[in-house]
Amino acid sequence: LSPSAFVPHLIGLSDKVEHGLVFLVLGFLTAASAPASVGVLRLALPVVAFAAGLELSQFVSPTRSVDFADFVASATGAIIGILLGVGARRWPGQAMTPSLR
């Protein structure tokens, strides 16, 4: 974990939006690259757990702080990205309803 002074920020965006966007991309790529037989829950659990792990790891860094709102933004972005990725991998020709397996 880099000291917070060295963390890059997108100009003009709040850090919550940045968390959401980064995890939206991660969720999308995870879902879009997974086989169609892998359902939303099986995709979301590891990505959301990764977001939680990254946030919790900041407990051991003297230059970082844990923020539950950062985790919520990351998890929300991940889930939206996964839903978009599931839709993308099923398009065209298949139903867009995601599996919950």
N, C-alpha and C. Protein backbone atom coordinates (compact mmCIF):
# COMPACT_ATOMS: atom_id res chain seq x y z
N LEU A 1 0.83 -1.18 0.00
CA LEU A 1 0.00 0.00 0.00
C LEU A 1 0.87 1.24 0.00
N SER A 2 0.65 2.06 -0.96
CA SER A 2 1.41 3.30 -1.06
C SER A 2 0.91 4.31 -0.03
N PRO A 3 1.80 5.16 0.44
CA PRO A 3 1.33 6.26 1.29
C PRO A 3 0.29 7.08 0.54
N SER A 4 -0.70 7.60 1.25
CA SER A 4 -1.80 8.29 0.59
C SER A 4 -1.35 9.48 -0.26
N ALA A 5 -0.21 10.07 0.07
CA ALA A 5 0.30 11.20 -0.72
C ALA A 5 0.70 10.76 -2.13
N PHE A 6 0.99 9.47 -2.32
CA PHE A 6 1.45 8.96 -3.61
C PHE A 6 0.34 8.28 -4.42
N VAL A 7 -0.87 8.27 -3.91
CA VAL A 7 -1.98 7.64 -4.61
C VAL A 7 -2.48 8.59 -5.70
N PRO A 8 -2.50 8.13 -6.96
CA PRO A 8 -2.97 9.02 -8.03
C PRO A 8 -4.47 9.25 -7.93
N HIS A 9 -4.92 10.43 -8.30
CA HIS A 9 -6.34 10.77 -8.30
C HIS A 9 -6.72 11.33 -9.67
N LEU A 10 -7.93 10.98 -10.12
CA LEU A 10 -8.45 11.55 -11.35
C LEU A 10 -8.88 12.97 -11.05
N ILE A 11 -8.55 13.87 -11.92
CA ILE A 11 -8.80 15.29 -11.69
C ILE A 11 -10.31 15.55 -11.57
N GLY A 12 -10.69 16.16 -10.46
CA GLY A 12 -12.06 16.60 -10.28
C GLY A 12 -13.05 15.55 -9.80
N LEU A 13 -12.61 14.33 -9.56
CA LEU A 13 -13.53 13.29 -9.10
C LEU A 13 -13.27 12.97 -7.64
N SER A 14 -14.34 12.67 -6.91
CA SER A 14 -14.15 12.28 -5.51
C SER A 14 -13.51 10.89 -5.46
N ASP A 15 -12.90 10.58 -4.34
CA ASP A 15 -12.25 9.27 -4.24
C ASP A 15 -13.28 8.14 -4.26
N LYS A 16 -14.51 8.41 -3.86
CA LYS A 16 -15.56 7.37 -3.91
C LYS A 16 -15.89 7.03 -5.37
N VAL A 17 -15.96 8.04 -6.21
CA VAL A 17 -16.21 7.81 -7.63
C VAL A 17 -15.05 7.03 -8.23
N GLU A 18 -13.83 7.38 -7.84
CA GLU A 18 -12.65 6.65 -8.34
C GLU A 18 -12.71 5.19 -7.93
N HIS A 19 -13.04 4.93 -6.66
CA HIS A 19 -13.17 3.53 -6.20
C HIS A 19 -14.20 2.80 -7.04
N GLY A 20 -15.36 3.43 -7.22
CA GLY A 20 -16.42 2.80 -8.00
C GLY A 20 -16.02 2.51 -9.43
N LEU A 21 -15.35 3.45 -10.08
CA LEU A 21 -14.94 3.26 -11.47
C LEU A 21 -13.89 2.16 -11.62
N VAL A 22 -12.92 2.14 -10.73
CA VAL A 22 -11.87 1.12 -10.80
C VAL A 22 -12.48 -0.27 -10.64
N PHE A 23 -13.37 -0.43 -9.66
CA PHE A 23 -13.96 -1.74 -9.43
C PHE A 23 -15.04 -2.06 -10.46
N LEU A 24 -15.65 -1.06 -11.08
CA LEU A 24 -16.57 -1.32 -12.18
C LEU A 24 -15.81 -1.98 -13.33
N VAL A 25 -14.65 -1.44 -13.64
CA VAL A 25 -13.82 -2.02 -14.71
C VAL A 25 -13.38 -3.44 -14.33
N LEU A 26 -12.93 -3.62 -13.09
CA LEU A 26 -12.51 -4.96 -12.65
C LEU A 26 -13.67 -5.94 -12.71
N GLY A 27 -14.84 -5.53 -12.23
CA GLY A 27 -16.01 -6.41 -12.28
C GLY A 27 -16.42 -6.75 -13.70
N PHE A 28 -16.41 -5.74 -14.57
CA PHE A 28 -16.78 -5.97 -15.96
C PHE A 28 -15.82 -6.97 -16.62
N LEU A 29 -14.53 -6.75 -16.46
CA LEU A 29 -13.55 -7.64 -17.09
C LEU A 29 -13.62 -9.05 -16.52
N THR A 30 -13.87 -9.14 -15.22
CA THR A 30 -14.02 -10.46 -14.59
C THR A 30 -15.19 -11.21 -15.19
N ALA A 31 -16.35 -10.55 -15.27
CA ALA A 31 -17.55 -11.21 -15.78
C ALA A 31 -17.47 -11.48 -17.27
N ALA A 32 -16.97 -10.53 -18.02
CA ALA A 32 -16.92 -10.69 -19.47
C ALA A 32 -15.97 -11.81 -19.89
N SER A 33 -14.97 -12.08 -19.07
CA SER A 33 -14.00 -13.12 -19.43
C SER A 33 -14.35 -14.48 -18.84
N ALA A 34 -15.36 -14.55 -18.01
CA ALA A 34 -15.74 -15.82 -17.37
C ALA A 34 -16.66 -16.61 -18.28
N PRO A 35 -16.66 -17.93 -18.14
CA PRO A 35 -17.60 -18.75 -18.92
C PRO A 35 -19.04 -18.39 -18.57
N ALA A 36 -19.94 -18.56 -19.51
CA ALA A 36 -21.34 -18.21 -19.30
C ALA A 36 -21.97 -19.02 -18.17
N SER A 37 -21.41 -20.17 -17.84
CA SER A 37 -21.97 -21.00 -16.77
C SER A 37 -21.70 -20.45 -15.38
N VAL A 38 -20.81 -19.47 -15.26
CA VAL A 38 -20.48 -18.88 -13.95
C VAL A 38 -21.48 -17.77 -13.67
N GLY A 39 -22.21 -17.92 -12.57
CA GLY A 39 -23.26 -16.97 -12.23
C GLY A 39 -22.74 -15.72 -11.53
N VAL A 40 -23.66 -14.80 -11.32
CA VAL A 40 -23.34 -13.51 -10.74
C VAL A 40 -22.73 -13.64 -9.34
N LEU A 41 -23.31 -14.47 -8.49
CA LEU A 41 -22.79 -14.60 -7.13
C LEU A 41 -21.37 -15.15 -7.11
N ARG A 42 -21.10 -16.15 -7.95
CA ARG A 42 -19.75 -16.72 -8.01
C ARG A 42 -18.74 -15.73 -8.56
N LEU A 43 -19.19 -14.77 -9.34
CA LEU A 43 -18.31 -13.73 -9.83
C LEU A 43 -18.13 -12.62 -8.79
N ALA A 44 -19.23 -12.25 -8.14
CA ALA A 44 -19.21 -11.11 -7.23
C ALA A 44 -18.45 -11.39 -5.93
N LEU A 45 -18.59 -12.59 -5.39
CA LEU A 45 -17.96 -12.86 -4.09
C LEU A 45 -16.46 -12.61 -4.07
N PRO A 46 -15.69 -13.14 -5.00
CA PRO A 46 -14.24 -12.87 -4.93
C PRO A 46 -13.87 -11.41 -5.20
N VAL A 47 -14.61 -10.74 -6.08
CA VAL A 47 -14.27 -9.35 -6.38
C VAL A 47 -14.61 -8.45 -5.19
N VAL A 48 -15.76 -8.67 -4.57
CA VAL A 48 -16.14 -7.89 -3.39
C VAL A 48 -15.22 -8.24 -2.22
N ALA A 49 -14.83 -9.50 -2.09
CA ALA A 49 -13.87 -9.88 -1.03
C ALA A 49 -12.52 -9.21 -1.26
N PHE A 50 -12.11 -9.08 -2.50
CA PHE A 50 -10.86 -8.38 -2.82
C PHE A 50 -10.96 -6.91 -2.41
N ALA A 51 -12.10 -6.28 -2.70
CA ALA A 51 -12.32 -4.88 -2.29
C ALA A 51 -12.24 -4.76 -0.77
N ALA A 52 -12.86 -5.69 -0.06
CA ALA A 52 -12.82 -5.66 1.40
C ALA A 52 -11.40 -5.87 1.91
N GLY A 53 -10.70 -6.81 1.30
CA GLY A 53 -9.32 -7.09 1.71
C GLY A 53 -8.41 -5.89 1.52
N LEU A 54 -8.57 -5.22 0.39
CA LEU A 54 -7.75 -4.03 0.16
C LEU A 54 -8.03 -2.95 1.19
N GLU A 55 -9.30 -2.76 1.50
CA GLU A 55 -9.66 -1.73 2.48
C GLU A 55 -9.16 -2.11 3.87
N LEU A 56 -9.36 -3.37 4.25
CA LEU A 56 -8.93 -3.81 5.58
C LEU A 56 -7.42 -3.83 5.73
N SER A 57 -6.70 -4.05 4.64
CA SER A 57 -5.24 -4.07 4.72
C SER A 57 -4.68 -2.71 5.12
N GLN A 58 -5.48 -1.68 5.00
CA GLN A 58 -5.03 -0.35 5.37
C GLN A 58 -4.92 -0.18 6.89
N PHE A 59 -5.47 -1.13 7.64
CA PHE A 59 -5.29 -1.11 9.10
C PHE A 59 -3.82 -1.20 9.48
N VAL A 60 -3.02 -1.89 8.67
CA VAL A 60 -1.62 -2.11 9.01
C VAL A 60 -0.68 -1.08 8.39
N SER A 61 -1.24 -0.12 7.69
CA SER A 61 -0.43 0.92 7.07
C SER A 61 -0.55 2.22 7.87
N PRO A 62 0.57 2.73 8.36
CA PRO A 62 0.49 3.95 9.16
C PRO A 62 0.10 5.20 8.37
N THR A 63 0.20 5.13 7.05
CA THR A 63 -0.10 6.31 6.23
C THR A 63 -1.47 6.23 5.55
N ARG A 64 -2.22 5.17 5.82
CA ARG A 64 -3.54 4.99 5.20
C ARG A 64 -4.59 4.82 6.28
N SER A 65 -5.84 5.02 5.92
CA SER A 65 -6.93 4.83 6.88
C SER A 65 -8.06 4.04 6.22
N VAL A 66 -8.71 3.23 7.01
CA VAL A 66 -9.82 2.42 6.54
C VAL A 66 -11.07 3.30 6.49
N ASP A 67 -11.81 3.20 5.40
CA ASP A 67 -13.04 3.98 5.24
C ASP A 67 -14.11 3.05 4.68
N PHE A 68 -15.14 2.78 5.48
CA PHE A 68 -16.21 1.88 5.05
C PHE A 68 -16.88 2.40 3.78
N ALA A 69 -16.99 3.70 3.63
CA ALA A 69 -17.60 4.28 2.43
C ALA A 69 -16.78 3.94 1.18
N ASP A 70 -15.45 3.84 1.31
CA ASP A 70 -14.61 3.41 0.18
C ASP A 70 -14.97 1.98 -0.22
N PHE A 71 -15.15 1.11 0.77
CA PHE A 71 -15.52 -0.27 0.48
C PHE A 71 -16.88 -0.32 -0.21
N VAL A 72 -17.84 0.45 0.28
CA VAL A 72 -19.19 0.47 -0.32
C VAL A 72 -19.10 0.93 -1.77
N ALA A 73 -18.33 1.96 -2.03
CA ALA A 73 -18.16 2.45 -3.40
C ALA A 73 -17.50 1.40 -4.28
N SER A 74 -16.48 0.73 -3.76
CA SER A 74 -15.78 -0.31 -4.52
C SER A 74 -16.72 -1.49 -4.81
N ALA A 75 -17.43 -1.95 -3.78
CA ALA A 75 -18.33 -3.10 -3.95
C ALA A 75 -19.47 -2.77 -4.92
N THR A 76 -20.01 -1.55 -4.82
CA THR A 76 -21.08 -1.14 -5.72
C THR A 76 -20.58 -1.11 -7.16
N GLY A 77 -19.42 -0.52 -7.37
CA GLY A 77 -18.84 -0.50 -8.71
C GLY A 77 -18.59 -1.89 -9.25
N ALA A 78 -18.09 -2.79 -8.38
CA ALA A 78 -17.83 -4.16 -8.80
C ALA A 78 -19.11 -4.87 -9.23
N ILE A 79 -20.16 -4.71 -8.45
CA ILE A 79 -21.42 -5.39 -8.78
C ILE A 79 -22.02 -4.84 -10.06
N ILE A 80 -21.99 -3.53 -10.24
CA ILE A 80 -22.49 -2.95 -11.48
C ILE A 80 -21.66 -3.45 -12.67
N GLY A 81 -20.34 -3.46 -12.52
CA GLY A 81 -19.47 -3.96 -13.59
C GLY A 81 -19.73 -5.42 -13.91
N ILE A 82 -19.95 -6.23 -12.88
CA ILE A 82 -20.24 -7.65 -13.11
C ILE A 82 -21.55 -7.81 -13.86
N LEU A 83 -22.58 -7.06 -13.46
CA LEU A 83 -23.86 -7.15 -14.18
C LEU A 83 -23.72 -6.72 -15.63
N LEU A 84 -22.96 -5.67 -15.88
CA LEU A 84 -22.72 -5.24 -17.26
C LEU A 84 -21.91 -6.29 -18.02
N GLY A 85 -20.92 -6.88 -17.37
CA GLY A 85 -20.10 -7.90 -18.01
C GLY A 85 -20.87 -9.16 -18.33
N VAL A 86 -21.77 -9.56 -17.42
CA VAL A 86 -22.63 -10.72 -17.68
C VAL A 86 -23.52 -10.44 -18.89
N GLY A 87 -24.05 -9.24 -18.95
CA GLY A 87 -24.86 -8.87 -20.11
C GLY A 87 -24.05 -8.87 -21.39
N ALA A 88 -22.82 -8.37 -21.32
CA ALA A 88 -21.97 -8.31 -22.52
C ALA A 88 -21.58 -9.69 -23.01
N ARG A 89 -21.33 -10.62 -22.10
CA ARG A 89 -20.90 -11.95 -22.55
C ARG A 89 -22.06 -12.75 -23.13
N ARG A 90 -23.28 -12.33 -22.85
CA ARG A 90 -24.45 -13.04 -23.37
C ARG A 90 -25.04 -12.38 -24.60
N TRP A 91 -24.47 -11.29 -25.01
CA TRP A 91 -25.03 -10.56 -26.13
C TRP A 91 -24.31 -10.96 -27.40
N PRO A 92 -24.83 -11.05 -28.54
CA PRO A 92 -26.25 -11.13 -28.85
C PRO A 92 -26.74 -12.57 -28.82
N GLY A 93 -28.03 -12.74 -28.90
CA GLY A 93 -28.61 -14.06 -29.10
C GLY A 93 -29.01 -14.80 -27.85
N GLN A 94 -28.68 -14.31 -26.67
CA GLN A 94 -29.07 -15.00 -25.45
C GLN A 94 -29.82 -14.05 -24.54
N ALA A 95 -30.56 -14.62 -23.63
CA ALA A 95 -31.31 -13.81 -22.68
C ALA A 95 -30.32 -13.04 -21.80
N MET A 96 -30.68 -11.83 -21.42
CA MET A 96 -29.81 -10.99 -20.60
C MET A 96 -29.99 -11.23 -19.11
N THR A 97 -30.88 -12.13 -18.72
CA THR A 97 -31.11 -12.39 -17.30
C THR A 97 -29.92 -13.14 -16.73
N PRO A 98 -29.22 -12.57 -15.74
CA PRO A 98 -28.05 -13.24 -15.17
C PRO A 98 -28.43 -14.43 -14.30
N SER A 99 -27.61 -15.44 -14.34
CA SER A 99 -27.78 -16.60 -13.47
C SER A 99 -27.35 -16.24 -12.06
N LEU A 100 -28.03 -16.79 -11.07
CA LEU A 100 -27.65 -16.53 -9.68
C LEU A 100 -26.85 -17.67 -9.07
N ARG A 101 -26.40 -18.62 -9.88
CA ARG A 101 -25.61 -19.74 -9.36
C ARG A 101 -24.25 -19.29 -8.93
